[in-house]
């Protein structure tokens, strides 16, 4: 599941969550067993060599 933040006052919907908000949500979570935060790196894609062939790989880092 992916959780977003929204603000009627600022007119934002489905905004990414800051690290500080994530830490706050994780410490107060009662209905979820745990939360993790992920961050897309290198515009979400990086170039790897797989079996000798260059391949575009989608990537993300995760913090728990």
N, C-alpha and C. Protein backbone atom coordinates (compact mmCIF):
# COMPACT_ATOMS: atom_id res chain seq x y z
N UNK A 1 0.84 -1.14 0.00
CA UNK A 1 0.00 0.00 0.00
C UNK A 1 0.91 1.22 0.00
N UNK A 2 0.52 2.25 -0.70
CA UNK A 2 1.25 3.52 -0.72
C UNK A 2 0.37 4.58 -0.07
N UNK A 3 0.93 5.32 0.86
CA UNK A 3 0.19 6.35 1.58
C UNK A 3 0.69 7.72 1.15
N UNK A 4 -0.24 8.60 0.87
CA UNK A 4 0.07 9.96 0.46
C UNK A 4 -0.40 10.95 1.51
N UNK A 5 0.00 12.17 1.35
CA UNK A 5 -0.42 13.27 2.20
C UNK A 5 -1.20 14.26 1.34
N UNK A 6 -2.23 14.88 1.90
CA UNK A 6 -2.98 15.91 1.17
C UNK A 6 -3.30 17.07 2.10
N UNK A 7 -3.55 18.22 1.49
CA UNK A 7 -3.89 19.42 2.26
C UNK A 7 -4.93 20.23 1.51
N UNK A 8 -6.12 20.32 2.06
CA UNK A 8 -7.15 21.16 1.44
C UNK A 8 -6.74 22.62 1.44
N UNK A 9 -6.11 23.05 2.52
CA UNK A 9 -5.69 24.46 2.64
C UNK A 9 -4.68 24.83 1.55
N UNK A 10 -3.77 23.92 1.24
CA UNK A 10 -2.76 24.19 0.22
C UNK A 10 -3.19 23.70 -1.16
N UNK A 11 -4.31 23.02 -1.23
CA UNK A 11 -4.81 22.53 -2.50
C UNK A 11 -4.01 21.38 -3.09
N UNK A 12 -3.34 20.60 -2.24
CA UNK A 12 -2.56 19.47 -2.74
C UNK A 12 -3.30 18.16 -2.51
N UNK A 13 -3.15 17.26 -3.47
CA UNK A 13 -3.71 15.92 -3.35
C UNK A 13 -2.62 14.92 -3.68
N UNK A 14 -2.54 13.85 -2.95
CA UNK A 14 -1.59 12.77 -3.20
C UNK A 14 -0.15 13.28 -3.29
N UNK A 15 0.25 14.08 -2.32
CA UNK A 15 1.62 14.60 -2.29
C UNK A 15 2.55 13.60 -1.61
N UNK A 16 3.80 13.59 -2.03
CA UNK A 16 4.79 12.76 -1.35
C UNK A 16 4.96 13.23 0.09
N UNK A 17 5.36 12.32 0.95
CA UNK A 17 5.48 12.60 2.38
C UNK A 17 6.95 12.89 2.71
N UNK A 18 7.17 13.90 3.52
CA UNK A 18 8.54 14.22 3.95
C UNK A 18 9.05 13.15 4.91
N UNK A 19 10.37 13.10 5.07
CA UNK A 19 10.98 12.13 6.00
C UNK A 19 10.48 12.36 7.42
N UNK A 20 10.33 13.62 7.82
CA UNK A 20 9.84 13.94 9.16
C UNK A 20 8.42 13.44 9.39
N UNK A 21 7.55 13.63 8.39
CA UNK A 21 6.18 13.14 8.50
C UNK A 21 6.16 11.62 8.57
N UNK A 22 6.99 10.97 7.75
CA UNK A 22 7.07 9.51 7.78
C UNK A 22 7.45 9.01 9.17
N UNK A 23 8.48 9.59 9.77
CA UNK A 23 8.92 9.18 11.10
C UNK A 23 7.79 9.36 12.11
N UNK A 24 7.06 10.46 12.01
CA UNK A 24 5.93 10.71 12.91
C UNK A 24 4.84 9.67 12.71
N UNK A 25 4.47 9.41 11.46
CA UNK A 25 3.43 8.41 11.18
C UNK A 25 3.85 7.04 11.68
N UNK A 26 5.11 6.67 11.44
CA UNK A 26 5.58 5.35 11.86
C UNK A 26 5.51 5.20 13.38
N UNK A 27 5.85 6.24 14.10
CA UNK A 27 5.84 6.15 15.57
C UNK A 27 4.42 6.08 16.13
N UNK A 28 3.45 6.60 15.38
CA UNK A 28 2.07 6.61 15.88
C UNK A 28 1.16 5.57 15.23
N UNK A 29 1.69 4.76 14.33
CA UNK A 29 0.87 3.77 13.62
C UNK A 29 0.31 2.74 14.59
N UNK A 30 -0.98 2.50 14.49
CA UNK A 30 -1.65 1.51 15.35
C UNK A 30 -2.33 0.42 14.54
N UNK A 31 -2.73 0.72 13.30
CA UNK A 31 -3.47 -0.27 12.51
C UNK A 31 -2.57 -1.01 11.53
N UNK A 32 -1.34 -0.55 11.34
CA UNK A 32 -0.40 -1.23 10.45
C UNK A 32 0.71 -1.85 11.28
N UNK A 33 1.18 -2.99 10.86
CA UNK A 33 2.26 -3.67 11.57
C UNK A 33 3.57 -2.88 11.48
N UNK A 34 3.78 -2.19 10.36
CA UNK A 34 4.99 -1.41 10.18
C UNK A 34 4.89 -0.53 8.95
N UNK A 35 5.76 0.44 8.85
CA UNK A 35 5.82 1.33 7.70
C UNK A 35 7.25 1.38 7.19
N UNK A 36 7.41 1.53 5.91
CA UNK A 36 8.73 1.74 5.31
C UNK A 36 8.61 2.89 4.32
N UNK A 37 9.71 3.58 4.11
CA UNK A 37 9.74 4.71 3.19
C UNK A 37 10.64 4.34 2.02
N UNK A 38 10.21 4.67 0.81
CA UNK A 38 11.10 4.43 -0.32
C UNK A 38 11.31 5.73 -1.08
N UNK A 39 12.43 5.76 -1.76
CA UNK A 39 12.85 6.96 -2.48
C UNK A 39 13.36 6.52 -3.85
N UNK A 40 12.77 7.05 -4.91
CA UNK A 40 13.21 6.70 -6.25
C UNK A 40 14.55 7.37 -6.51
N UNK A 41 15.51 6.61 -7.03
CA UNK A 41 16.84 7.16 -7.27
C UNK A 41 17.12 7.27 -8.77
N UNK A 42 17.95 8.20 -9.13
CA UNK A 42 18.36 8.39 -10.53
C UNK A 42 17.16 8.46 -11.46
N UNK A 43 16.19 9.29 -11.11
CA UNK A 43 14.96 9.43 -11.89
C UNK A 43 14.26 8.08 -12.05
N UNK A 44 14.54 7.15 -11.13
CA UNK A 44 13.86 5.86 -11.13
C UNK A 44 14.48 4.83 -12.04
N UNK A 45 15.49 5.20 -12.83
CA UNK A 45 16.11 4.25 -13.74
C UNK A 45 17.62 4.37 -13.68
N UNK A 46 18.29 3.25 -13.87
CA UNK A 46 19.74 3.23 -13.92
C UNK A 46 20.15 2.19 -14.97
N UNK A 47 21.35 2.28 -15.48
CA UNK A 47 21.81 1.37 -16.51
C UNK A 47 22.73 0.32 -15.90
N UNK A 48 22.39 -0.94 -16.08
CA UNK A 48 23.19 -2.06 -15.59
C UNK A 48 23.58 -2.93 -16.78
N UNK A 49 24.65 -3.68 -16.63
CA UNK A 49 25.01 -4.69 -17.62
C UNK A 49 24.59 -6.05 -17.07
N UNK A 50 23.68 -6.71 -17.78
CA UNK A 50 23.16 -8.01 -17.36
C UNK A 50 23.41 -8.99 -18.50
N UNK A 51 24.10 -10.08 -18.20
CA UNK A 51 24.48 -11.07 -19.21
C UNK A 51 25.20 -10.41 -20.38
N UNK A 52 26.05 -9.41 -20.08
CA UNK A 52 26.83 -8.74 -21.11
C UNK A 52 26.08 -7.72 -21.94
N UNK A 53 24.81 -7.51 -21.64
CA UNK A 53 23.99 -6.56 -22.40
C UNK A 53 23.56 -5.40 -21.51
N UNK A 54 23.63 -4.17 -22.01
CA UNK A 54 23.15 -3.04 -21.21
C UNK A 54 21.63 -3.10 -21.06
N UNK A 55 21.15 -2.90 -19.84
CA UNK A 55 19.71 -2.96 -19.55
C UNK A 55 19.33 -1.75 -18.70
N UNK A 56 18.20 -1.15 -18.98
CA UNK A 56 17.66 -0.09 -18.13
C UNK A 56 16.90 -0.78 -17.00
N UNK A 57 17.25 -0.46 -15.76
CA UNK A 57 16.64 -1.08 -14.58
C UNK A 57 15.98 0.01 -13.75
N UNK A 58 14.73 -0.19 -13.40
CA UNK A 58 14.05 0.74 -12.49
C UNK A 58 14.51 0.44 -11.07
N UNK A 59 14.79 1.48 -10.30
CA UNK A 59 15.37 1.27 -8.97
C UNK A 59 14.75 2.21 -7.95
N UNK A 60 14.78 1.78 -6.70
CA UNK A 60 14.34 2.61 -5.57
C UNK A 60 15.10 2.17 -4.33
N UNK A 61 15.31 3.10 -3.43
CA UNK A 61 15.90 2.74 -2.14
C UNK A 61 14.80 2.71 -1.10
N UNK A 62 14.96 1.87 -0.09
CA UNK A 62 13.93 1.70 0.93
C UNK A 62 14.54 1.92 2.31
N UNK A 63 13.81 2.67 3.15
CA UNK A 63 14.19 2.85 4.56
C UNK A 63 13.07 2.29 5.41
N UNK A 64 13.44 1.53 6.40
CA UNK A 64 12.39 1.00 7.29
C UNK A 64 12.63 1.44 8.72
